[in-house]
Amino acid sequence: MTYKEFEEEQILSLLIGLTNKISPKFERCTGISSTRLAILQMLCERSEINQSQLQKHIDIDGAAITRHLKQLEADGMVIRYKNPNDNRETFVRLSDEGIERIEGYKSEKRIFIQQILAGFSEEETRVLADFLKRMQNNI
């Protein structure tokens, strides 16, 4: 194995390790999963949205969006309702409770981001974001 191959494998290993650590720590710090927060943020931007459109925006499968929405509904955060003209279509919107709680979640997310980027300069953060976007595009 060449040194370059060793470094590339190390990068992959570090990325996998970060992925495995970020999700549970994010949830512990914010009190909500990153997927559920993304759902709430999307609903915050729109007064209501079709569940299928929400699924596409969040980029998760149909079963996952249904599972997340059912839990958010049980927690009083969202309201789901059928289209009266087409029973196959479900709309989603934030409840009053969801509207109240979303700001706290956003604040906790900001704190989490600041913690994981502590010690990075603005330029380093910009470069890191560029590298990660390029890697995501490659994938």
N, C-alpha and C. Protein backbone atom coordinates (compact mmCIF):
# COMPACT_ATOMS: atom_id res chain seq x y z
N MET A 1 0.84 -1.18 0.00
CA MET A 1 0.00 0.00 0.00
C MET A 1 0.89 1.24 0.00
N THR A 2 0.58 2.15 -0.90
CA THR A 2 1.35 3.39 -0.95
C THR A 2 0.91 4.33 0.16
N TYR A 3 1.71 5.34 0.42
CA TYR A 3 1.36 6.32 1.44
C TYR A 3 0.06 7.05 1.08
N LYS A 4 -0.11 7.35 -0.20
CA LYS A 4 -1.33 8.03 -0.66
C LYS A 4 -2.56 7.15 -0.38
N GLU A 5 -2.46 5.86 -0.68
CA GLU A 5 -3.57 4.94 -0.43
C GLU A 5 -3.86 4.85 1.07
N PHE A 6 -2.80 4.83 1.87
CA PHE A 6 -2.96 4.81 3.32
C PHE A 6 -3.72 6.05 3.80
N GLU A 7 -3.32 7.22 3.31
CA GLU A 7 -3.99 8.47 3.69
C GLU A 7 -5.45 8.48 3.25
N GLU A 8 -5.74 7.99 2.04
CA GLU A 8 -7.11 7.95 1.54
C GLU A 8 -7.97 7.02 2.39
N GLU A 9 -7.42 5.88 2.78
CA GLU A 9 -8.16 4.96 3.64
C GLU A 9 -8.40 5.59 5.01
N GLN A 10 -7.41 6.32 5.48
CA GLN A 10 -7.54 7.00 6.77
C GLN A 10 -8.65 8.06 6.70
N ILE A 11 -8.74 8.79 5.60
CA ILE A 11 -9.78 9.79 5.42
C ILE A 11 -11.15 9.12 5.48
N LEU A 12 -11.31 8.01 4.76
CA LEU A 12 -12.58 7.30 4.77
C LEU A 12 -12.92 6.82 6.18
N SER A 13 -11.95 6.28 6.86
CA SER A 13 -12.17 5.80 8.22
C SER A 13 -12.60 6.95 9.15
N LEU A 14 -11.94 8.09 9.02
CA LEU A 14 -12.31 9.26 9.83
C LEU A 14 -13.72 9.74 9.52
N LEU A 15 -14.08 9.76 8.24
CA LEU A 15 -15.43 10.19 7.86
C LEU A 15 -16.49 9.25 8.42
N ILE A 16 -16.23 7.96 8.33
CA ILE A 16 -17.17 6.98 8.87
C ILE A 16 -17.29 7.15 10.39
N GLY A 17 -16.16 7.34 11.04
CA GLY A 17 -16.17 7.56 12.49
C GLY A 17 -16.95 8.81 12.88
N LEU A 18 -16.75 9.89 12.13
CA LEU A 18 -17.49 11.12 12.40
C LEU A 18 -18.99 10.92 12.21
N THR A 19 -19.36 10.24 11.15
CA THR A 19 -20.77 9.98 10.88
C THR A 19 -21.40 9.21 12.04
N ASN A 20 -20.69 8.19 12.51
CA ASN A 20 -21.22 7.38 13.61
C ASN A 20 -21.31 8.14 14.92
N LYS A 21 -20.48 9.15 15.10
CA LYS A 21 -20.48 9.93 16.35
C LYS A 21 -21.43 11.13 16.30
N ILE A 22 -21.55 11.74 15.14
CA ILE A 22 -22.31 12.99 15.05
C ILE A 22 -23.79 12.80 15.35
N SER A 23 -24.43 11.82 14.73
CA SER A 23 -25.88 11.67 14.90
C SER A 23 -26.31 11.50 16.36
N PRO A 24 -25.74 10.55 17.10
CA PRO A 24 -26.19 10.42 18.49
C PRO A 24 -25.83 11.63 19.36
N LYS A 25 -24.67 12.24 19.10
CA LYS A 25 -24.29 13.42 19.90
C LYS A 25 -25.20 14.61 19.56
N PHE A 26 -25.53 14.74 18.28
CA PHE A 26 -26.44 15.81 17.87
C PHE A 26 -27.78 15.65 18.59
N GLU A 27 -28.28 14.43 18.61
CA GLU A 27 -29.58 14.18 19.24
C GLU A 27 -29.52 14.44 20.75
N ARG A 28 -28.43 14.04 21.40
CA ARG A 28 -28.29 14.29 22.83
C ARG A 28 -28.21 15.80 23.12
N CYS A 29 -27.50 16.53 22.29
CA CYS A 29 -27.32 17.97 22.51
C CYS A 29 -28.59 18.77 22.21
N THR A 30 -29.28 18.40 21.13
CA THR A 30 -30.43 19.19 20.70
C THR A 30 -31.76 18.65 21.20
N GLY A 31 -31.79 17.36 21.53
CA GLY A 31 -33.04 16.75 21.97
C GLY A 31 -33.90 16.25 20.83
N ILE A 32 -33.37 16.26 19.61
CA ILE A 32 -34.12 15.82 18.44
C ILE A 32 -33.14 15.30 17.39
N SER A 33 -33.60 14.36 16.57
CA SER A 33 -32.71 13.84 15.52
C SER A 33 -32.53 14.88 14.42
N SER A 34 -31.43 14.78 13.70
CA SER A 34 -31.18 15.75 12.63
C SER A 34 -32.24 15.64 11.53
N THR A 35 -32.75 14.45 11.27
CA THR A 35 -33.80 14.29 10.25
C THR A 35 -35.08 14.97 10.69
N ARG A 36 -35.48 14.76 11.94
CA ARG A 36 -36.72 15.39 12.44
C ARG A 36 -36.56 16.91 12.49
N LEU A 37 -35.39 17.38 12.83
CA LEU A 37 -35.17 18.83 12.82
C LEU A 37 -35.26 19.36 11.40
N ALA A 38 -34.71 18.64 10.42
CA ALA A 38 -34.80 19.07 9.02
C ALA A 38 -36.27 19.12 8.58
N ILE A 39 -37.06 18.17 9.02
CA ILE A 39 -38.50 18.17 8.70
C ILE A 39 -39.16 19.41 9.30
N LEU A 40 -38.89 19.67 10.57
CA LEU A 40 -39.49 20.83 11.24
C LEU A 40 -39.04 22.14 10.59
N GLN A 41 -37.77 22.21 10.21
CA GLN A 41 -37.28 23.43 9.56
C GLN A 41 -37.96 23.65 8.22
N MET A 42 -38.16 22.58 7.45
CA MET A 42 -38.85 22.70 6.17
C MET A 42 -40.29 23.17 6.39
N LEU A 43 -40.94 22.62 7.41
CA LEU A 43 -42.31 23.03 7.71
C LEU A 43 -42.37 24.46 8.22
N CYS A 44 -41.32 24.90 8.86
CA CYS A 44 -41.24 26.28 9.35
C CYS A 44 -41.18 27.26 8.17
N GLU A 45 -40.54 26.83 7.08
CA GLU A 45 -40.40 27.68 5.90
C GLU A 45 -41.69 27.76 5.09
N ARG A 46 -42.57 26.79 5.25
CA ARG A 46 -43.82 26.74 4.48
C ARG A 46 -44.99 26.59 5.44
N SER A 47 -46.11 27.13 5.09
CA SER A 47 -47.26 27.00 5.98
C SER A 47 -47.78 25.57 6.01
N GLU A 48 -47.69 24.90 4.87
CA GLU A 48 -48.04 23.47 4.78
C GLU A 48 -47.35 22.90 3.56
N ILE A 49 -47.23 21.58 3.54
CA ILE A 49 -46.57 20.93 2.41
C ILE A 49 -47.16 19.53 2.27
N ASN A 50 -47.21 19.08 1.05
CA ASN A 50 -47.63 17.72 0.74
C ASN A 50 -46.55 16.78 1.30
N GLN A 51 -46.97 15.68 1.91
CA GLN A 51 -46.02 14.75 2.53
C GLN A 51 -45.03 14.20 1.50
N SER A 52 -45.47 13.95 0.28
CA SER A 52 -44.57 13.44 -0.76
C SER A 52 -43.50 14.47 -1.12
N GLN A 53 -43.90 15.75 -1.20
CA GLN A 53 -42.94 16.80 -1.49
C GLN A 53 -41.93 16.95 -0.34
N LEU A 54 -42.43 16.85 0.88
CA LEU A 54 -41.56 16.93 2.05
C LEU A 54 -40.53 15.81 2.02
N GLN A 55 -40.99 14.61 1.68
CA GLN A 55 -40.10 13.45 1.58
C GLN A 55 -38.98 13.72 0.58
N LYS A 56 -39.32 14.30 -0.57
CA LYS A 56 -38.31 14.58 -1.60
C LYS A 56 -37.33 15.65 -1.13
N HIS A 57 -37.84 16.68 -0.47
CA HIS A 57 -36.96 17.76 0.02
C HIS A 57 -35.98 17.25 1.07
N ILE A 58 -36.45 16.37 1.95
CA ILE A 58 -35.62 15.85 3.02
C ILE A 58 -34.73 14.72 2.50
N ASP A 59 -35.12 14.11 1.40
CA ASP A 59 -34.36 13.03 0.75
C ASP A 59 -34.29 11.77 1.61
N ILE A 60 -35.47 11.30 2.04
CA ILE A 60 -35.57 10.03 2.73
C ILE A 60 -36.70 9.22 2.10
N ASP A 61 -36.76 7.93 2.40
CA ASP A 61 -37.77 7.09 1.76
C ASP A 61 -39.15 7.30 2.40
N GLY A 62 -40.17 6.80 1.72
CA GLY A 62 -41.55 6.99 2.14
C GLY A 62 -41.86 6.45 3.51
N ALA A 63 -41.33 5.27 3.82
CA ALA A 63 -41.59 4.68 5.14
C ALA A 63 -40.95 5.53 6.24
N ALA A 64 -39.77 6.06 5.97
CA ALA A 64 -39.06 6.87 6.98
C ALA A 64 -39.80 8.18 7.25
N ILE A 65 -40.27 8.84 6.20
CA ILE A 65 -40.98 10.11 6.42
C ILE A 65 -42.26 9.87 7.20
N THR A 66 -42.95 8.78 6.89
CA THR A 66 -44.18 8.45 7.62
C THR A 66 -43.88 8.18 9.08
N ARG A 67 -42.83 7.41 9.35
CA ARG A 67 -42.44 7.09 10.73
C ARG A 67 -42.09 8.36 11.50
N HIS A 68 -41.28 9.23 10.89
CA HIS A 68 -40.90 10.48 11.56
C HIS A 68 -42.11 11.37 11.81
N LEU A 69 -42.97 11.48 10.82
CA LEU A 69 -44.14 12.35 10.98
C LEU A 69 -45.10 11.81 12.03
N LYS A 70 -45.28 10.49 12.08
CA LYS A 70 -46.15 9.91 13.12
C LYS A 70 -45.62 10.24 14.51
N GLN A 71 -44.29 10.15 14.69
CA GLN A 71 -43.71 10.46 15.99
C GLN A 71 -43.83 11.95 16.31
N LEU A 72 -43.57 12.79 15.31
CA LEU A 72 -43.71 14.24 15.53
C LEU A 72 -45.16 14.61 15.82
N GLU A 73 -46.09 13.91 15.18
CA GLU A 73 -47.51 14.14 15.44
C GLU A 73 -47.86 13.70 16.86
N ALA A 74 -47.36 12.54 17.28
CA ALA A 74 -47.60 12.04 18.64
C ALA A 74 -47.02 13.00 19.69
N ASP A 75 -45.91 13.66 19.34
CA ASP A 75 -45.28 14.63 20.24
C ASP A 75 -45.97 16.00 20.19
N GLY A 76 -46.98 16.13 19.35
CA GLY A 76 -47.73 17.39 19.25
C GLY A 76 -47.03 18.45 18.42
N MET A 77 -46.03 18.07 17.63
CA MET A 77 -45.24 19.04 16.87
C MET A 77 -45.81 19.34 15.49
N VAL A 78 -46.47 18.36 14.87
CA VAL A 78 -47.02 18.55 13.54
C VAL A 78 -48.47 18.08 13.49
N ILE A 79 -49.14 18.55 12.47
CA ILE A 79 -50.51 18.12 12.19
C ILE A 79 -50.52 17.59 10.77
N ARG A 80 -51.05 16.37 10.61
CA ARG A 80 -51.19 15.78 9.28
C ARG A 80 -52.68 15.67 8.99
N TYR A 81 -53.04 15.90 7.74
CA TYR A 81 -54.44 15.78 7.35
C TYR A 81 -54.54 15.43 5.88
N LYS A 82 -55.60 14.73 5.56
CA LYS A 82 -55.83 14.30 4.18
C LYS A 82 -56.41 15.45 3.36
N ASN A 83 -56.09 15.46 2.10
CA ASN A 83 -56.67 16.41 1.16
C ASN A 83 -58.15 16.02 1.00
N PRO A 84 -59.08 16.91 1.28
CA PRO A 84 -60.50 16.55 1.18
C PRO A 84 -60.92 16.18 -0.25
N ASN A 85 -60.17 16.65 -1.24
CA ASN A 85 -60.50 16.34 -2.64
C ASN A 85 -59.80 15.09 -3.16
N ASP A 86 -58.77 14.63 -2.45
CA ASP A 86 -58.02 13.44 -2.86
C ASP A 86 -57.46 12.76 -1.61
N ASN A 87 -58.14 11.75 -1.16
CA ASN A 87 -57.82 11.08 0.10
C ASN A 87 -56.44 10.42 0.09
N ARG A 88 -55.83 10.26 -1.08
CA ARG A 88 -54.50 9.65 -1.16
C ARG A 88 -53.41 10.63 -0.79
N GLU A 89 -53.73 11.90 -0.76
CA GLU A 89 -52.74 12.96 -0.53
C GLU A 89 -52.82 13.45 0.92
N THR A 90 -51.64 13.51 1.57
CA THR A 90 -51.56 13.97 2.96
C THR A 90 -50.77 15.26 3.02
N PHE A 91 -51.30 16.23 3.75
CA PHE A 91 -50.60 17.49 3.97
C PHE A 91 -50.09 17.52 5.40
N VAL A 92 -49.03 18.29 5.60
CA VAL A 92 -48.40 18.41 6.91
C VAL A 92 -48.15 19.88 7.19
N ARG A 93 -48.32 20.26 8.45
CA ARG A 93 -47.97 21.61 8.89
C ARG A 93 -47.53 21.56 10.34
N LEU A 94 -46.82 22.59 10.76
CA LEU A 94 -46.41 22.68 12.16
C LEU A 94 -47.63 22.98 13.02
N SER A 95 -47.67 22.39 14.19
CA SER A 95 -48.68 22.74 15.17
C SER A 95 -48.20 23.98 15.93
N ASP A 96 -49.03 24.53 16.78
CA ASP A 96 -48.61 25.66 17.61
C ASP A 96 -47.42 25.26 18.48
N GLU A 97 -47.46 24.03 19.01
CA GLU A 97 -46.36 23.51 19.83
C GLU A 97 -45.08 23.42 19.00
N GLY A 98 -45.20 22.95 17.77
CA GLY A 98 -44.04 22.85 16.88
C GLY A 98 -43.44 24.21 16.59
N ILE A 99 -44.29 25.19 16.37
CA ILE A 99 -43.82 26.55 16.10
C ILE A 99 -43.05 27.09 17.30
N GLU A 100 -43.57 26.82 18.50
CA GLU A 100 -42.90 27.30 19.72
C GLU A 100 -41.55 26.61 19.94
N ARG A 101 -41.48 25.31 19.66
CA ARG A 101 -40.28 24.54 19.98
C ARG A 101 -39.19 24.63 18.92
N ILE A 102 -39.53 24.97 17.69
CA ILE A 102 -38.54 24.96 16.61
C ILE A 102 -37.40 25.95 16.88
N GLU A 103 -37.70 27.09 17.46
CA GLU A 103 -36.65 28.08 17.71
C GLU A 103 -35.62 27.55 18.72
N GLY A 104 -36.09 26.83 19.73
CA GLY A 104 -35.16 26.24 20.70
C GLY A 104 -34.27 25.21 20.04
N TYR A 105 -34.86 24.38 19.15
CA TYR A 105 -34.07 23.38 18.43
C TYR A 105 -33.03 24.04 17.53
N LYS A 106 -33.41 25.12 16.86
CA LYS A 106 -32.47 25.83 16.00
C LYS A 106 -31.31 26.39 16.81
N SER A 107 -31.62 26.92 17.98
CA SER A 107 -30.59 27.47 18.86
C SER A 107 -29.64 26.37 19.33
N GLU A 108 -30.16 25.22 19.72
CA GLU A 108 -29.33 24.09 20.14
C GLU A 108 -28.48 23.58 18.98
N LYS A 109 -29.03 23.59 17.77
CA LYS A 109 -28.26 23.17 16.59
C LYS A 109 -27.08 24.11 16.37
N ARG A 110 -27.31 25.40 16.50
CA ARG A 110 -26.25 26.40 16.33
C ARG A 110 -25.13 26.16 17.34
N ILE A 111 -25.50 25.90 18.59
CA ILE A 111 -24.51 25.63 19.64
C ILE A 111 -23.71 24.38 19.30
N PHE A 112 -24.39 23.33 18.83
CA PHE A 112 -23.72 22.08 18.46
C PHE A 112 -22.72 22.33 17.34
N ILE A 113 -23.12 23.08 16.34
CA ILE A 113 -22.23 23.39 15.21
C ILE A 113 -21.00 24.16 15.71
N GLN A 114 -21.23 25.13 16.58
CA GLN A 114 -20.11 25.90 17.12
C GLN A 114 -19.14 25.01 17.89
N GLN A 115 -19.67 24.02 18.61
CA GLN A 115 -18.82 23.10 19.37
C GLN A 115 -17.96 22.24 18.45
N ILE A 116 -18.55 21.71 17.38
CA ILE A 116 -17.75 20.82 16.52
C ILE A 116 -16.77 21.59 15.64
N LEU A 117 -17.03 22.88 15.45
CA LEU A 117 -16.11 23.69 14.65
C LEU A 117 -15.23 24.61 15.51
N ALA A 118 -15.22 24.37 16.80
CA ALA A 118 -14.38 25.18 17.71
C ALA A 118 -12.92 25.08 17.29
N GLY A 119 -12.26 26.21 17.23
CA GLY A 119 -10.85 26.23 16.86
C GLY A 119 -10.59 26.35 15.38
N PHE A 120 -11.64 26.29 14.57
CA PHE A 120 -11.49 26.47 13.12
C PHE A 120 -11.64 27.95 12.78
N SER A 121 -10.76 28.45 11.94
CA SER A 121 -10.90 29.83 11.46
C SER A 121 -12.03 29.87 10.42
N GLU A 122 -12.45 31.07 10.06
CA GLU A 122 -13.48 31.21 9.01
C GLU A 122 -12.99 30.59 7.71
N GLU A 123 -11.72 30.83 7.39
CA GLU A 123 -11.17 30.28 6.15
C GLU A 123 -11.13 28.76 6.20
N GLU A 124 -10.72 28.19 7.32
CA GLU A 124 -10.71 26.73 7.45
C GLU A 124 -12.12 26.14 7.33
N THR A 125 -13.09 26.81 7.91
CA THR A 125 -14.48 26.36 7.82
C THR A 125 -14.96 26.40 6.37
N ARG A 126 -14.61 27.47 5.67
CA ARG A 126 -14.98 27.60 4.25
C ARG A 126 -14.34 26.49 3.41
N VAL A 127 -13.06 26.24 3.64
CA VAL A 127 -12.34 25.20 2.90
C VAL A 127 -12.93 23.82 3.21
N LEU A 128 -13.19 23.55 4.49
CA LEU A 128 -13.79 22.28 4.88
C LEU A 128 -15.14 22.09 4.20
N ALA A 129 -15.97 23.12 4.22
CA ALA A 129 -17.28 23.03 3.57
C ALA A 129 -17.12 22.74 2.08
N ASP A 130 -16.15 23.38 1.45
CA ASP A 130 -15.91 23.15 0.03
C ASP A 130 -15.47 21.71 -0.22
N PHE A 131 -14.56 21.22 0.59
CA PHE A 131 -14.08 19.83 0.44
C PHE A 131 -15.24 18.84 0.61
N LEU A 132 -16.05 19.05 1.64
CA LEU A 132 -17.16 18.12 1.90
C LEU A 132 -18.21 18.16 0.80
N LYS A 133 -18.48 19.36 0.26
CA LYS A 133 -19.43 19.46 -0.86
C LYS A 133 -18.89 18.72 -2.08
N ARG A 134 -17.60 18.87 -2.33
CA ARG A 134 -17.00 18.17 -3.48
C ARG A 134 -17.07 16.66 -3.29
N MET A 135 -16.81 16.20 -2.07
CA MET A 135 -16.90 14.76 -1.80
C MET A 135 -18.34 14.28 -1.97
N GLN A 136 -19.28 15.06 -1.49
CA GLN A 136 -20.70 14.68 -1.62
C GLN A 136 -21.09 14.61 -3.09
N ASN A 137 -20.63 15.56 -3.88
CA ASN A 137 -20.92 15.52 -5.33
C ASN A 137 -20.29 14.30 -5.99
N ASN A 138 -19.08 13.94 -5.55
CA ASN A 138 -18.43 12.76 -6.11
C ASN A 138 -19.21 11.47 -5.79
N ILE A 139 -19.79 11.45 -4.62
CA ILE A 139 -20.56 10.26 -4.21
C ILE A 139 -21.85 10.20 -4.99
